[in-house]
Amino acid sequence: MLNAKEIYERVSTHLLAQRAVSEDDNGSCRLRSPEGRKCAIGSLVSDALYDPDLEGVGISYYRHAQDGKLLRALYASNVNAYDPGIVDLLIELEEVHDYADVEEWPQLLAALGKRHAFV
């Protein structure tokens, strides 16, 4: 399983390289967009395990849920989303993608990394 620092590094690298939000035609954030973009969480789901049925429920829902398709897909992709600490990190990363302007991502991701002592 990926540890918290590895998850942070993978998502940060992905978002900073992509420099665009993964969203549908209505502007709703998606794990995978029609253009092939991936959100913070979508970047962690293996391509072989991605299914459009995973869409629609953000990772924050799983803070209190016991199980679900997205948790199983993440776990099978080496992300232990059953660990509350990992879910909290995933929520923080998702919030950067979903609620911040792309131009703010570098500073926000750096601050997140410092808060968690990853950098």
PDB file of N, CA and C in Angstrom:
ATOM      1  N   MET A   1       0.831  -1.188   0.000  1.00  0.00           N
ATOM      2  CA  MET A   1       0.000   0.000   0.000  1.00  0.00           C
ATOM      3  C   MET A   1       0.878   1.255   0.000  1.00  0.00           C
ATOM      4  N   LEU A   2       0.392   2.263  -0.698  1.00  0.00           N
ATOM      5  CA  LEU A   2       1.083   3.548  -0.689  1.00  0.00           C
ATOM      6  C   LEU A   2       0.925   4.194   0.683  1.00  0.00           C
ATOM      7  N   ASN A   3       1.998   4.812   1.170  1.00  0.00           N
ATOM      8  CA  ASN A   3       1.863   5.545   2.427  1.00  0.00           C
ATOM      9  C   ASN A   3       1.374   6.967   2.128  1.00  0.00           C
ATOM     10  N   ALA A   4       1.091   7.722   3.169  1.00  0.00           N
ATOM     11  CA  ALA A   4       0.520   9.059   3.000  1.00  0.00           C
ATOM     12  C   ALA A   4       1.417   9.969   2.163  1.00  0.00           C
ATOM     13  N   LYS A   5       2.714   9.929   2.405  1.00  0.00           N
ATOM     14  CA  LYS A   5       3.629  10.773   1.640  1.00  0.00           C
ATOM     15  C   LYS A   5       3.622  10.393   0.164  1.00  0.00           C
ATOM     16  N   GLU A   6       3.601   9.104  -0.132  1.00  0.00           N
ATOM     17  CA  GLU A   6       3.572   8.646  -1.525  1.00  0.00           C
ATOM     18  C   GLU A   6       2.275   9.079  -2.220  1.00  0.00           C
ATOM     19  N   ILE A   7       1.170   9.024  -1.496  1.00  0.00           N
ATOM     20  CA  ILE A   7      -0.114   9.482  -2.052  1.00  0.00           C
ATOM     21  C   ILE A   7      -0.040  10.972  -2.352  1.00  0.00           C
ATOM     22  N   TYR A   8       0.439  11.742  -1.388  1.00  0.00           N
ATOM     23  CA  TYR A   8       0.590  13.190  -1.578  1.00  0.00           C
ATOM     24  C   TYR A   8       1.465  13.491  -2.790  1.00  0.00           C
ATOM     25  N   GLU A   9       2.598  12.825  -2.885  1.00  0.00           N
ATOM     26  CA  GLU A   9       3.529  13.081  -3.986  1.00  0.00           C
ATOM     27  C   GLU A   9       2.906  12.706  -5.334  1.00  0.00           C
ATOM     28  N   ARG A  10       2.228  11.579  -5.387  1.00  0.00           N
ATOM     29  CA  ARG A  10       1.618  11.138  -6.648  1.00  0.00           C
ATOM     30  C   ARG A  10       0.530  12.119  -7.095  1.00  0.00           C
ATOM     31  N   VAL A  11      -0.346  12.497  -6.179  1.00  0.00           N
ATOM     32  CA  VAL A  11      -1.440  13.413  -6.527  1.00  0.00           C
ATOM     33  C   VAL A  11      -0.888  14.794  -6.881  1.00  0.00           C
ATOM     34  N   SER A  12       0.040  15.291  -6.096  1.00  0.00           N
ATOM     35  CA  SER A  12       0.622  16.614  -6.373  1.00  0.00           C
ATOM     36  C   SER A  12       1.287  16.646  -7.740  1.00  0.00           C
ATOM     37  N   THR A  13       2.087  15.643  -8.030  1.00  0.00           N
ATOM     38  CA  THR A  13       2.758  15.566  -9.334  1.00  0.00           C
ATOM     39  C   THR A  13       1.736  15.542 -10.457  1.00  0.00           C
ATOM     40  N   HIS A  14       0.699  14.739 -10.287  1.00  0.00           N
ATOM     41  CA  HIS A  14      -0.350  14.641 -11.310  1.00  0.00           C
ATOM     42  C   HIS A  14      -1.044  15.987 -11.521  1.00  0.00           C
ATOM     43  N   LEU A  15      -1.527  16.598 -10.437  1.00  0.00           N
ATOM     44  CA  LEU A  15      -2.282  17.846 -10.580  1.00  0.00           C
ATOM     45  C   LEU A  15      -1.422  18.966 -11.160  1.00  0.00           C
ATOM     46  N   LEU A  16      -0.180  19.061 -10.716  1.00  0.00           N
ATOM     47  CA  LEU A  16       0.691  20.137 -11.205  1.00  0.00           C
ATOM     48  C   LEU A  16       1.089  19.925 -12.666  1.00  0.00           C
ATOM     49  N   ALA A  17       1.132  18.683 -13.121  1.00  0.00           N
ATOM     50  CA  ALA A  17       1.417  18.407 -14.531  1.00  0.00           C
ATOM     51  C   ALA A  17       0.166  18.643 -15.390  1.00  0.00           C
ATOM     52  N   GLN A  18      -0.984  18.242 -14.891  1.00  0.00           N
ATOM     53  CA  GLN A  18      -2.229  18.367 -15.650  1.00  0.00           C
ATOM     54  C   GLN A  18      -2.683  19.827 -15.757  1.00  0.00           C
ATOM     55  N   ARG A  19      -2.557  20.559 -14.661  1.00  0.00           N
ATOM     56  CA  ARG A  19      -2.912  21.996 -14.603  1.00  0.00           C
ATOM     57  C   ARG A  19      -4.306  22.283 -15.147  1.00  0.00           C
ATOM     58  N   ALA A  20      -5.251  21.415 -14.852  1.00  0.00           N
ATOM     59  CA  ALA A  20      -6.641  21.603 -15.287  1.00  0.00           C
ATOM     60  C   ALA A  20      -7.544  20.753 -14.402  1.00  0.00           C
ATOM     61  N   VAL A  21      -8.756  21.243 -14.209  1.00  0.00           N
ATOM     62  CA  VAL A  21      -9.737  20.530 -13.399  1.00  0.00           C
ATOM     63  C   VAL A  21     -10.369  19.408 -14.227  1.00  0.00           C
ATOM     64  N   SER A  22     -10.628  18.308 -13.589  1.00  0.00           N
ATOM     65  CA  SER A  22     -11.355  17.199 -14.224  1.00  0.00           C
ATOM     66  C   SER A  22     -12.832  17.408 -13.921  1.00  0.00           C
ATOM     67  N   GLU A  23     -13.588  17.759 -14.950  1.00  0.00           N
ATOM     68  CA  GLU A  23     -15.009  18.030 -14.755  1.00  0.00           C
ATOM     69  C   GLU A  23     -15.806  17.621 -15.978  1.00  0.00           C
ATOM     70  N   ASP A  24     -17.119  17.502 -15.783  1.00  0.00           N
ATOM     71  CA  ASP A  24     -17.989  17.157 -16.903  1.00  0.00           C
ATOM     72  C   ASP A  24     -18.447  18.435 -17.614  1.00  0.00           C
ATOM     73  N   ASP A  25     -19.310  18.274 -18.589  1.00  0.00           N
ATOM     74  CA  ASP A  25     -19.770  19.421 -19.380  1.00  0.00           C
ATOM     75  C   ASP A  25     -20.568  20.426 -18.556  1.00  0.00           C
ATOM     76  N   ASN A  26     -21.081  20.008 -17.416  1.00  0.00           N
ATOM     77  CA  ASN A  26     -21.845  20.899 -16.541  1.00  0.00           C
ATOM     78  C   ASN A  26     -20.973  21.593 -15.501  1.00  0.00           C
ATOM     79  N   GLY A  27     -19.677  21.297 -15.502  1.00  0.00           N
ATOM     80  CA  GLY A  27     -18.765  21.903 -14.536  1.00  0.00           C
ATOM     81  C   GLY A  27     -18.680  21.172 -13.212  1.00  0.00           C
ATOM     82  N   SER A  28     -19.248  19.964 -13.131  1.00  0.00           N
ATOM     83  CA  SER A  28     -19.152  19.158 -11.917  1.00  0.00           C
ATOM     84  C   SER A  28     -17.860  18.354 -11.945  1.00  0.00           C
ATOM     85  N   CYS A  29     -17.155  18.341 -10.817  1.00  0.00           N
ATOM     86  CA  CYS A  29     -15.900  17.598 -10.745  1.00  0.00           C
ATOM     87  C   CYS A  29     -16.162  16.109 -10.919  1.00  0.00           C
ATOM     88  N   ARG A  30     -15.251  15.459 -11.619  1.00  0.00           N
ATOM     89  CA  ARG A  30     -15.345  14.033 -11.917  1.00  0.00           C
ATOM     90  C   ARG A  30     -14.005  13.361 -11.685  1.00  0.00           C
ATOM     91  N   LEU A  31     -14.055  12.078 -11.322  1.00  0.00           N
ATOM     92  CA  LEU A  31     -12.825  11.299 -11.207  1.00  0.00           C
ATOM     93  C   LEU A  31     -12.082  11.314 -12.533  1.00  0.00           C
ATOM     94  N   ARG A  32     -12.834  11.125 -13.617  1.00  0.00           N
ATOM     95  CA  ARG A  32     -12.284  11.149 -14.971  1.00  0.00           C
ATOM     96  C   ARG A  32     -13.205  12.000 -15.834  1.00  0.00           C
ATOM     97  N   SER A  33     -12.632  12.926 -16.577  1.00  0.00           N
ATOM     98  CA  SER A  33     -13.438  13.794 -17.437  1.00  0.00           C
ATOM     99  C   SER A  33     -13.508  13.208 -18.845  1.00  0.00           C
ATOM    100  N   PRO A  34     -14.456  13.695 -19.648  1.00  0.00           N
ATOM    101  CA  PRO A  34     -14.530  13.237 -21.043  1.00  0.00           C
ATOM    102  C   PRO A  34     -13.233  13.504 -21.821  1.00  0.00           C
ATOM    103  N   GLU A  35     -12.458  14.521 -21.392  1.00  0.00           N
ATOM    104  CA  GLU A  35     -11.186  14.840 -22.059  1.00  0.00           C
ATOM    105  C   GLU A  35     -10.018  13.986 -21.560  1.00  0.00           C
ATOM    106  N   GLY A  36     -10.302  13.084 -20.617  1.00  0.00           N
ATOM    107  CA  GLY A  36      -9.249  12.223 -20.091  1.00  0.00           C
ATOM    108  C   GLY A  36      -8.530  12.779 -18.882  1.00  0.00           C
ATOM    109  N   ARG A  37      -8.988  13.900 -18.354  1.00  0.00           N
ATOM    110  CA  ARG A  37      -8.372  14.439 -17.137  1.00  0.00           C
ATOM    111  C   ARG A  37      -8.785  13.592 -15.942  1.00  0.00           C
ATOM    112  N   LYS A  38      -7.981  13.700 -14.880  1.00  0.00           N
ATOM    113  CA  LYS A  38      -8.262  12.965 -13.647  1.00  0.00           C
ATOM    114  C   LYS A  38      -8.193  13.937 -12.479  1.00  0.00           C
ATOM    115  N   CYS A  39      -9.136  13.795 -11.538  1.00  0.00           N
ATOM    116  CA  CYS A  39      -9.082  14.611 -10.335  1.00  0.00           C
ATOM    117  C   CYS A  39      -8.051  14.009  -9.377  1.00  0.00           C
ATOM    118  N   ALA A  40      -7.913  14.602  -8.200  1.00  0.00           N
ATOM    119  CA  ALA A  40      -6.943  14.110  -7.222  1.00  0.00           C
ATOM    120  C   ALA A  40      -7.173  12.636  -6.907  1.00  0.00           C
ATOM    121  N   ILE A  41      -8.421  12.269  -6.662  1.00  0.00           N
ATOM    122  CA  ILE A  41      -8.743  10.893  -6.312  1.00  0.00           C
ATOM    123  C   ILE A  41      -8.687  10.007  -7.551  1.00  0.00           C
ATOM    124  N   GLY A  42      -9.207  10.502  -8.655  1.00  0.00           N
ATOM    125  CA  GLY A  42      -9.187   9.743  -9.907  1.00  0.00           C
ATOM    126  C   GLY A  42      -7.790   9.372 -10.352  1.00  0.00           C
ATOM    127  N   SER A  43      -6.815  10.210 -10.008  1.00  0.00           N
ATOM    128  CA  SER A  43      -5.435   9.911 -10.397  1.00  0.00           C
ATOM    129  C   SER A  43      -4.872   8.715  -9.640  1.00  0.00           C
ATOM    130  N   LEU A  44      -5.519   8.339  -8.541  1.00  0.00           N
ATOM    131  CA  LEU A  44      -5.051   7.212  -7.737  1.00  0.00           C
ATOM    132  C   LEU A  44      -5.719   5.896  -8.108  1.00  0.00           C
ATOM    133  N   VAL A  45      -6.826   5.970  -8.835  1.00  0.00           N
ATOM    134  CA  VAL A  45      -7.543   4.756  -9.241  1.00  0.00           C
ATOM    135  C   VAL A  45      -6.884   4.209 -10.505  1.00  0.00           C
ATOM    136  N   SER A  46      -6.455   2.976 -10.442  1.00  0.00           N
ATOM    137  CA  SER A  46      -5.833   2.322 -11.588  1.00  0.00           C
ATOM    138  C   SER A  46      -6.762   2.378 -12.796  1.00  0.00           C
ATOM    139  N   ASP A  47      -6.190   2.611 -13.972  1.00  0.00           N
ATOM    140  CA  ASP A  47      -6.986   2.654 -15.200  1.00  0.00           C
ATOM    141  C   ASP A  47      -7.784   1.370 -15.383  1.00  0.00           C
ATOM    142  N   ALA A  48      -7.200   0.238 -15.024  1.00  0.00           N
ATOM    143  CA  ALA A  48      -7.877  -1.048 -15.188  1.00  0.00           C
ATOM    144  C   ALA A  48      -9.083  -1.185 -14.253  1.00  0.00           C
ATOM    145  N   LEU A  49      -9.093  -0.416 -13.172  1.00  0.00           N
ATOM    146  CA  LEU A  49     -10.172  -0.519 -12.183  1.00  0.00           C
ATOM    147  C   LEU A  49     -11.196   0.604 -12.294  1.00  0.00           C
ATOM    148  N   TYR A  50     -10.906   1.605 -13.108  1.00  0.00           N
ATOM    149  CA  TYR A  50     -11.855   2.708 -13.233  1.00  0.00           C
ATOM    150  C   TYR A  50     -13.138   2.231 -13.909  1.00  0.00           C
ATOM    151  N   ASP A  51     -14.258   2.693 -13.382  1.00  0.00           N
ATOM    152  CA  ASP A  51     -15.575   2.391 -13.943  1.00  0.00           C
ATOM    153  C   ASP A  51     -16.423   3.649 -13.766  1.00  0.00           C
ATOM    154  N   PRO A  52     -17.184   4.052 -14.776  1.00  0.00           N
ATOM    155  CA  PRO A  52     -18.034   5.236 -14.629  1.00  0.00           C
ATOM    156  C   PRO A  52     -18.986   5.158 -13.427  1.00  0.00           C
ATOM    157  N   ASP A  53     -19.285   3.954 -12.954  1.00  0.00           N
ATOM    158  CA  ASP A  53     -20.138   3.807 -11.762  1.00  0.00           C
ATOM    159  C   ASP A  53     -19.482   4.353 -10.501  1.00  0.00           C
ATOM    160  N   LEU A  54     -18.175   4.607 -10.547  1.00  0.00           N
ATOM    161  CA  LEU A  54     -17.483   5.184  -9.391  1.00  0.00           C
ATOM    162  C   LEU A  54     -17.800   6.668  -9.230  1.00  0.00           C
ATOM    163  N   GLU A  55     -18.280   7.289 -10.280  1.00  0.00           N
ATOM    164  CA  GLU A  55     -18.557   8.730 -10.265  1.00  0.00           C
ATOM    165  C   GLU A  55     -19.756   9.067  -9.377  1.00  0.00           C
ATOM    166  N   GLY A  56     -19.775  10.310  -8.922  1.00  0.00           N
ATOM    167  CA  GLY A  56     -20.957  10.828  -8.260  1.00  0.00           C
ATOM    168  C   GLY A  56     -20.880  10.937  -6.746  1.00  0.00           C
ATOM    169  N   VAL A  57     -19.988  10.196  -6.115  1.00  0.00           N
ATOM    170  CA  VAL A  57     -19.851  10.271  -4.662  1.00  0.00           C
ATOM    171  C   VAL A  57     -18.419  10.669  -4.344  1.00  0.00           C
ATOM    172  N   GLY A  58     -18.253  11.856  -3.768  1.00  0.00           N
ATOM    173  CA  GLY A  58     -16.918  12.334  -3.420  1.00  0.00           C
ATOM    174  C   GLY A  58     -16.321  11.548  -2.271  1.00  0.00           C
ATOM    175  N   ILE A  59     -15.024  11.622  -2.149  1.00  0.00           N
ATOM    176  CA  ILE A  59     -14.319  10.857  -1.114  1.00  0.00           C
ATOM    177  C   ILE A  59     -14.754  11.293   0.277  1.00  0.00           C
ATOM    178  N   SER A  60     -15.203  12.540   0.456  1.00  0.00           N
ATOM    179  CA  SER A  60     -15.618  12.985   1.789  1.00  0.00           C
ATOM    180  C   SER A  60     -16.804  12.180   2.315  1.00  0.00           C
ATOM    181  N   TYR A  61     -17.613  11.646   1.434  1.00  0.00           N
ATOM    182  CA  TYR A  61     -18.717  10.780   1.859  1.00  0.00           C
ATOM    183  C   TYR A  61     -18.189   9.592   2.644  1.00  0.00           C
ATOM    184  N   TYR A  62     -17.012   9.121   2.287  1.00  0.00           N
ATOM    185  CA  TYR A  62     -16.451   7.913   2.880  1.00  0.00           C
ATOM    186  C   TYR A  62     -15.763   8.154   4.222  1.00  0.00           C
ATOM    187  N   ARG A  63     -15.766   9.374   4.698  1.00  0.00           N
ATOM    188  CA  ARG A  63     -15.205   9.643   6.027  1.00  0.00           C
ATOM    189  C   ARG A  63     -15.954   8.818   7.078  1.00  0.00           C
ATOM    190  N   HIS A  64     -17.261   8.613   6.848  1.00  0.00           N
ATOM    191  CA  HIS A  64     -18.074   7.888   7.821  1.00  0.00           C
ATOM    192  C   HIS A  64     -18.641   6.580   7.269  1.00  0.00           C
ATOM    193  N   ALA A  65     -18.452   6.318   6.004  1.00  0.00           N
ATOM    194  CA  ALA A  65     -18.983   5.094   5.401  1.00  0.00           C
ATOM    195  C   ALA A  65     -18.031   3.925   5.651  1.00  0.00           C
ATOM    196  N   GLN A  66     -18.576   2.747   5.711  1.00  0.00           N
ATOM    197  CA  GLN A  66     -17.781   1.559   5.962  1.00  0.00           C
ATOM    198  C   GLN A  66     -17.193   0.969   4.691  1.00  0.00           C
ATOM    199  N   ASP A  67     -17.919   1.121   3.579  1.00  0.00           N
ATOM    200  CA  ASP A  67     -17.481   0.479   2.346  1.00  0.00           C
ATOM    201  C   ASP A  67     -18.168   1.143   1.158  1.00  0.00           C
ATOM    202  N   GLY A  68     -17.701   0.846  -0.015  1.00  0.00           N
ATOM    203  CA  GLY A  68     -18.291   1.372  -1.230  1.00  0.00           C
ATOM    204  C   GLY A  68     -17.399   1.085  -2.415  1.00  0.00           C
ATOM    205  N   LYS A  69     -17.949   1.283  -3.605  1.00  0.00           N
ATOM    206  CA  LYS A  69     -17.211   0.983  -4.837  1.00  0.00           C
ATOM    207  C   LYS A  69     -15.905   1.763  -4.921  1.00  0.00           C
ATOM    208  N   LEU A  70     -15.941   3.048  -4.560  1.00  0.00           N
ATOM    209  CA  LEU A  70     -14.726   3.860  -4.665  1.00  0.00           C
ATOM    210  C   LEU A  70     -13.666   3.383  -3.675  1.00  0.00           C
ATOM    211  N   LEU A  71     -14.066   3.066  -2.455  1.00  0.00           N
ATOM    212  CA  LEU A  71     -13.088   2.554  -1.482  1.00  0.00           C
ATOM    213  C   LEU A  71     -12.448   1.265  -1.977  1.00  0.00           C
ATOM    214  N   ARG A  72     -13.255   0.380  -2.535  1.00  0.00           N
ATOM    215  CA  ARG A  72     -12.719  -0.885  -3.045  1.00  0.00           C
ATOM    216  C   ARG A  72     -11.769  -0.651  -4.216  1.00  0.00           C
ATOM    217  N   ALA A  73     -12.122   0.282  -5.112  1.00  0.00           N
ATOM    218  CA  ALA A  73     -11.254   0.573  -6.258  1.00  0.00           C
ATOM    219  C   ALA A  73      -9.929   1.186  -5.799  1.00  0.00           C
ATOM    220  N   LEU A  74      -9.984   2.076  -4.828  1.00  0.00           N
ATOM    221  CA  LEU A  74      -8.751   2.665  -4.298  1.00  0.00           C
ATOM    222  C   LEU A  74      -7.893   1.604  -3.617  1.00  0.00           C
ATOM    223  N   TYR A  75      -8.517   0.762  -2.814  1.00  0.00           N
ATOM    224  CA  TYR A  75      -7.771  -0.291  -2.121  1.00  0.00           C
ATOM    225  C   TYR A  75      -7.085  -1.217  -3.122  1.00  0.00           C
ATOM    226  N   ALA A  76      -7.797  -1.584  -4.167  1.00  0.00           N
ATOM    227  CA  ALA A  76      -7.224  -2.446  -5.202  1.00  0.00           C
ATOM    228  C   ALA A  76      -6.134  -1.727  -6.000  1.00  0.00           C
ATOM    229  N   SER A  77      -6.110  -0.387  -5.895  1.00  0.00           N
ATOM    230  CA  SER A  77      -5.080   0.432  -6.554  1.00  0.00           C
ATOM    231  C   SER A  77      -3.956   0.802  -5.589  1.00  0.00           C
ATOM    232  N   ASN A  78      -3.865   0.097  -4.467  1.00  0.00           N
ATOM    233  CA  ASN A  78      -2.814   0.289  -3.448  1.00  0.00           C
ATOM    234  C   ASN A  78      -2.969   1.538  -2.599  1.00  0.00           C
ATOM    235  N   VAL A  79      -4.203   2.014  -2.440  1.00  0.00           N
ATOM    236  CA  VAL A  79      -4.490   3.151  -1.568  1.00  0.00           C
ATOM    237  C   VAL A  79      -5.465   2.659  -0.499  1.00  0.00           C
ATOM    238  N   ASN A  80      -5.017   2.604   0.749  1.00  0.00           N
ATOM    239  CA  ASN A  80      -5.865   2.080   1.817  1.00  0.00           C
ATOM    240  C   ASN A  80      -6.860   3.141   2.291  1.00  0.00           C
ATOM    241  N   ALA A  81      -7.924   3.297   1.523  1.00  0.00           N
ATOM    242  CA  ALA A  81      -8.952   4.281   1.842  1.00  0.00           C
ATOM    243  C   ALA A  81      -9.849   3.826   2.987  1.00  0.00           C
ATOM    244  N   TYR A  82      -9.546   2.673   3.587  1.00  0.00           N
ATOM    245  CA  TYR A  82     -10.250   2.243   4.790  1.00  0.00           C
ATOM    246  C   TYR A  82      -9.584   2.828   6.041  1.00  0.00           C
ATOM    247  N   ASP A  83      -8.392   3.398   5.867  1.00  0.00           N
ATOM    248  CA  ASP A  83      -7.657   4.038   6.960  1.00  0.00           C
ATOM    249  C   ASP A  83      -8.161   5.473   7.100  1.00  0.00           C
ATOM    250  N   PRO A  84      -8.716   5.846   8.265  1.00  0.00           N
ATOM    251  CA  PRO A  84      -9.263   7.200   8.435  1.00  0.00           C
ATOM    252  C   PRO A  84      -8.247   8.314   8.162  1.00  0.00           C
ATOM    253  N   GLY A  85      -6.991   8.085   8.502  1.00  0.00           N
ATOM    254  CA  GLY A  85      -5.958   9.092   8.241  1.00  0.00           C
ATOM    255  C   GLY A  85      -5.739   9.297   6.751  1.00  0.00           C
ATOM    256  N   ILE A  86      -5.779   8.224   5.994  1.00  0.00           N
ATOM    257  CA  ILE A  86      -5.632   8.311   4.535  1.00  0.00           C
ATOM    258  C   ILE A  86      -6.853   9.008   3.944  1.00  0.00           C
ATOM    259  N   VAL A  87      -8.039   8.676   4.414  1.00  0.00           N
ATOM    260  CA  VAL A  87      -9.253   9.340   3.905  1.00  0.00           C
ATOM    261  C   VAL A  87      -9.172  10.844   4.165  1.00  0.00           C
ATOM    262  N   ASP A  88      -8.716  11.241   5.349  1.00  0.00           N
ATOM    263  CA  ASP A  88      -8.590  12.674   5.644  1.00  0.00           C
ATOM    264  C   ASP A  88      -7.634  13.354   4.670  1.00  0.00           C
ATOM    265  N   LEU A  89      -6.509  12.721   4.363  1.00  0.00           N
ATOM    266  CA  LEU A  89      -5.564  13.266   3.385  1.00  0.00           C
ATOM    267  C   LEU A  89      -6.212  13.351   2.007  1.00  0.00           C
ATOM    268  N   LEU A  90      -6.926  12.301   1.591  1.00  0.00           N
ATOM    269  CA  LEU A  90      -7.589  12.311   0.286  1.00  0.00           C
ATOM    270  C   LEU A  90      -8.617  13.435   0.200  1.00  0.00           C
ATOM    271  N   ILE A  91      -9.322  13.686   1.289  1.00  0.00           N
ATOM    272  CA  ILE A  91     -10.297  14.781   1.301  1.00  0.00           C
ATOM    273  C   ILE A  91      -9.596  16.119   1.108  1.00  0.00           C
ATOM    274  N   GLU A  92      -8.477  16.320   1.785  1.00  0.00           N
ATOM    275  CA  GLU A  92      -7.720  17.566   1.620  1.00  0.00           C
ATOM    276  C   GLU A  92      -7.253  17.737   0.180  1.00  0.00           C
ATOM    277  N   LEU A  93      -6.757  16.662  -0.415  1.00  0.00           N
ATOM    278  CA  LEU A  93      -6.291  16.729  -1.806  1.00  0.00           C
ATOM    279  C   LEU A  93      -7.458  16.981  -2.758  1.00  0.00           C
ATOM    280  N   GLU A  94      -8.592  16.339  -2.496  1.00  0.00           N
ATOM    281  CA  GLU A  94      -9.776  16.553  -3.322  1.00  0.00           C
ATOM    282  C   GLU A  94     -10.238  18.010  -3.235  1.00  0.00           C
ATOM    283  N   GLU A  95     -10.175  18.601  -2.046  1.00  0.00           N
ATOM    284  CA  GLU A  95     -10.608  19.986  -1.877  1.00  0.00           C
ATOM    285  C   GLU A  95      -9.732  20.952  -2.664  1.00  0.00           C
ATOM    286  N   VAL A  96      -8.437  20.680  -2.744  1.00  0.00           N
ATOM    287  CA  VAL A  96      -7.557  21.521  -3.569  1.00  0.00           C
ATOM    288  C   VAL A  96      -8.039  21.474  -5.016  1.00  0.00           C
ATOM    289  N   HIS A  97      -8.265  20.267  -5.536  1.00  0.00           N
ATOM    290  CA  HIS A  97      -8.716  20.111  -6.922  1.00  0.00           C
ATOM    291  C   HIS A  97     -10.076  20.751  -7.152  1.00  0.00           C
ATOM    292  N   ASP A  98     -11.021  20.491  -6.250  1.00  0.00           N
ATOM    293  CA  ASP A  98     -12.412  20.877  -6.485  1.00  0.00           C
ATOM    294  C   ASP A  98     -12.713  22.344  -6.217  1.00  0.00           C
ATOM    295  N   TYR A  99     -12.021  22.960  -5.257  1.00  0.00           N
ATOM    296  CA  TYR A  99     -12.446  24.286  -4.801  1.00  0.00           C
ATOM    297  C   TYR A  99     -11.452  25.418  -5.022  1.00  0.00           C
ATOM    298  N   ALA A 100     -10.232  25.113  -5.405  1.00  0.00           N
ATOM    299  CA  ALA A 100      -9.229  26.163  -5.600  1.00  0.00           C
ATOM    300  C   ALA A 100      -8.979  26.401  -7.088  1.00  0.00           C
ATOM    301  N   ASP A 101      -8.604  27.618  -7.414  1.00  0.00           N
ATOM    302  CA  ASP A 101      -8.201  27.917  -8.785  1.00  0.00           C
ATOM    303  C   ASP A 101      -6.903  27.176  -9.088  1.00  0.00           C
ATOM    304  N   VAL A 102      -6.769  26.743 -10.322  1.00  0.00           N
ATOM    305  CA  VAL A 102      -5.582  25.995 -10.739  1.00  0.00           C
ATOM    306  C   VAL A 102      -4.304  26.767 -10.401  1.00  0.00           C
ATOM    307  N   GLU A 103      -4.348  28.086 -10.533  1.00  0.00           N
ATOM    308  CA  GLU A 103      -3.165  28.907 -10.242  1.00  0.00           C
ATOM    309  C   GLU A 103      -2.755  28.826  -8.776  1.00  0.00           C
ATOM    310  N   GLU A 104      -3.688  28.472  -7.901  1.00  0.00           N
ATOM    311  CA  GLU A 104      -3.401  28.365  -6.465  1.00  0.00           C
ATOM    312  C   GLU A 104      -2.864  26.990  -6.069  1.00  0.00           C
ATOM    313  N   TRP A 105      -3.009  26.007  -6.953  1.00  0.00           N
ATOM    314  CA  TRP A 105      -2.616  24.648  -6.602  1.00  0.00           C
ATOM    315  C   TRP A 105      -1.185  24.515  -6.101  1.00  0.00           C
ATOM    316  N   PRO A 106      -0.184  25.128  -6.760  1.00  0.00           N
ATOM    317  CA  PRO A 106       1.184  24.930  -6.263  1.00  0.00           C
ATOM    318  C   PRO A 106       1.362  25.359  -4.798  1.00  0.00           C
ATOM    319  N   GLN A 107       0.836  26.537  -4.433  1.00  0.00           N
ATOM    320  CA  GLN A 107       0.977  27.014  -3.051  1.00  0.00           C
ATOM    321  C   GLN A 107       0.187  26.150  -2.079  1.00  0.00           C
ATOM    322  N   LEU A 108      -1.035  25.795  -2.455  1.00  0.00           N
ATOM    323  CA  LEU A 108      -1.883  25.000  -1.564  1.00  0.00           C
ATOM    324  C   LEU A 108      -1.313  23.598  -1.350  1.00  0.00           C
ATOM    325  N   LEU A 109      -0.814  22.997  -2.400  1.00  0.00           N
ATOM    326  CA  LEU A 109      -0.216  21.661  -2.262  1.00  0.00           C
ATOM    327  C   LEU A 109       1.067  21.719  -1.436  1.00  0.00           C
ATOM    328  N   ALA A 110       1.851  22.771  -1.632  1.00  0.00           N
ATOM    329  CA  ALA A 110       3.073  22.929  -0.828  1.00  0.00           C
ATOM    330  C   ALA A 110       2.712  23.109   0.645  1.00  0.00           C
ATOM    331  N   ALA A 111       1.696  23.916   0.938  1.00  0.00           N
ATOM    332  CA  ALA A 111       1.267  24.128   2.327  1.00  0.00           C
ATOM    333  C   ALA A 111       0.740  22.837   2.933  1.00  0.00           C
ATOM    334  N   LEU A 112      -0.007  22.081   2.158  1.00  0.00           N
ATOM    335  CA  LEU A 112      -0.531  20.798   2.625  1.00  0.00           C
ATOM    336  C   LEU A 112       0.623  19.857   2.945  1.00  0.00           C
ATOM    337  N   GLY A 113       1.624  19.819   2.086  1.00  0.00           N
ATOM    338  CA  GLY A 113       2.799  18.985   2.311  1.00  0.00           C
ATOM    339  C   GLY A 113       3.543  19.383   3.578  1.00  0.00           C
ATOM    340  N   LYS A 114       3.646  20.663   3.835  1.00  0.00           N
ATOM    341  CA  LYS A 114       4.326  21.142   5.063  1.00  0.00           C
ATOM    342  C   LYS A 114       3.517  20.787   6.300  1.00  0.00           C
ATOM    343  N   ARG A 115       2.185  20.960   6.241  1.00  0.00           N
ATOM    344  CA  ARG A 115       1.326  20.631   7.377  1.00  0.00           C
ATOM    345  C   ARG A 115       1.469  19.162   7.768  1.00  0.00           C
ATOM    346  N   HIS A 116       1.638  18.318   6.790  1.00  0.00           N
ATOM    347  CA  HIS A 116       1.768  16.879   7.045  1.00  0.00           C
ATOM    348  C   HIS A 116       3.219  16.431   7.169  1.00  0.00           C
ATOM    349  N   ALA A 117       4.145  17.376   7.095  1.00  0.00           N
ATOM    350  CA  ALA A 117       5.586  17.090   7.189  1.00  0.00           C
ATOM    351  C   ALA A 117       6.068  16.156   6.096  1.00  0.00           C
ATOM    352  N   PHE A 118       5.505  16.313   4.874  1.00  0.00           N
ATOM    353  CA  PHE A 118       5.943  15.522   3.727  1.00  0.00           C
ATOM    354  C   PHE A 118       7.101  16.208   3.001  1.00  0.00           C
ATOM    355  N   VAL A 119       7.213  17.516   3.152  1.00  0.00           N
ATOM    356  CA  VAL A 119       8.269  18.278   2.451  1.00  0.00           C
ATOM    357  C   VAL A 119       9.121  19.034   3.437  1.00  0.00           C
TER     358      VAL A 119
END
